[in-house]
């Protein structure tokens, strides 16, 4: 009985250690950021997690929802491909890069809100609910405003669920035309070297910051999902924490 109790205690200690990876914890502590980060291999056999409880908690996805939103917009023929011009409506907004014509490629890279709000009006709430259900995306809810539900509505998703969705995207295991999956993967590329490429999307709700994506190299595929309590002045830490963590694990 005593040996059994010791085994249980060791198991609990081991699981706690896995849930609070020391290297990643140090990175968060250095930045003085409260959050979580999950880094997972493609097969899930290797996983580094900091703050597992938070990683299981759902938060509003903010602009990380532009990943499934792009797939939905393409599938619904709201936009043809990554090169089609999205005409600026002439309304001057506070973020200067938004104040001109866009393409899917540019709107992903600068997180152009008005572009996706235009898509959302054409797609409609009923179709979004149907897609969220098919994708098993977070809590599968929208909200009262179809143009803002991923920014300030009812939609919520956890870091672990983001990882699960990204793995389906990588494996082409989503209910979308392959051409549109390929386009989405292409425009998510944020860095490409001889050794690896990174596909990622940031997000910020005004309170919660995200950085999610995956790293492809010749020998391995790793997925990551960070969310944290982030102010406007701290936005740089979303990507910086992830990149430093990936380096600490010799992934990049």
Foldseek 3Di string as FASTA:
>chain_A
DVVVVVVVVVVVVVVVCQQAPPQLVVLCVVLVWDWKKWKAFLVRPDIHIRNVVQLQDWDQQFLVCVLVLLQLLCQVPVDPAQPDKAAAPQDDDPDRVLRGIHGNLRCQVVVNLVSSLVSQVVCDDVNQLVQCVQLVAAPSDAADRSSCRSQPGDGIHGFVSLQVSQSCLVVVNGPGDPVSSVRSQVSQWDDDDLFKTWGWGWGDNQFKIKIWTWIDGPPTIMTMIMITGDHPVRNVVRVVSVVSVCVVVVVD
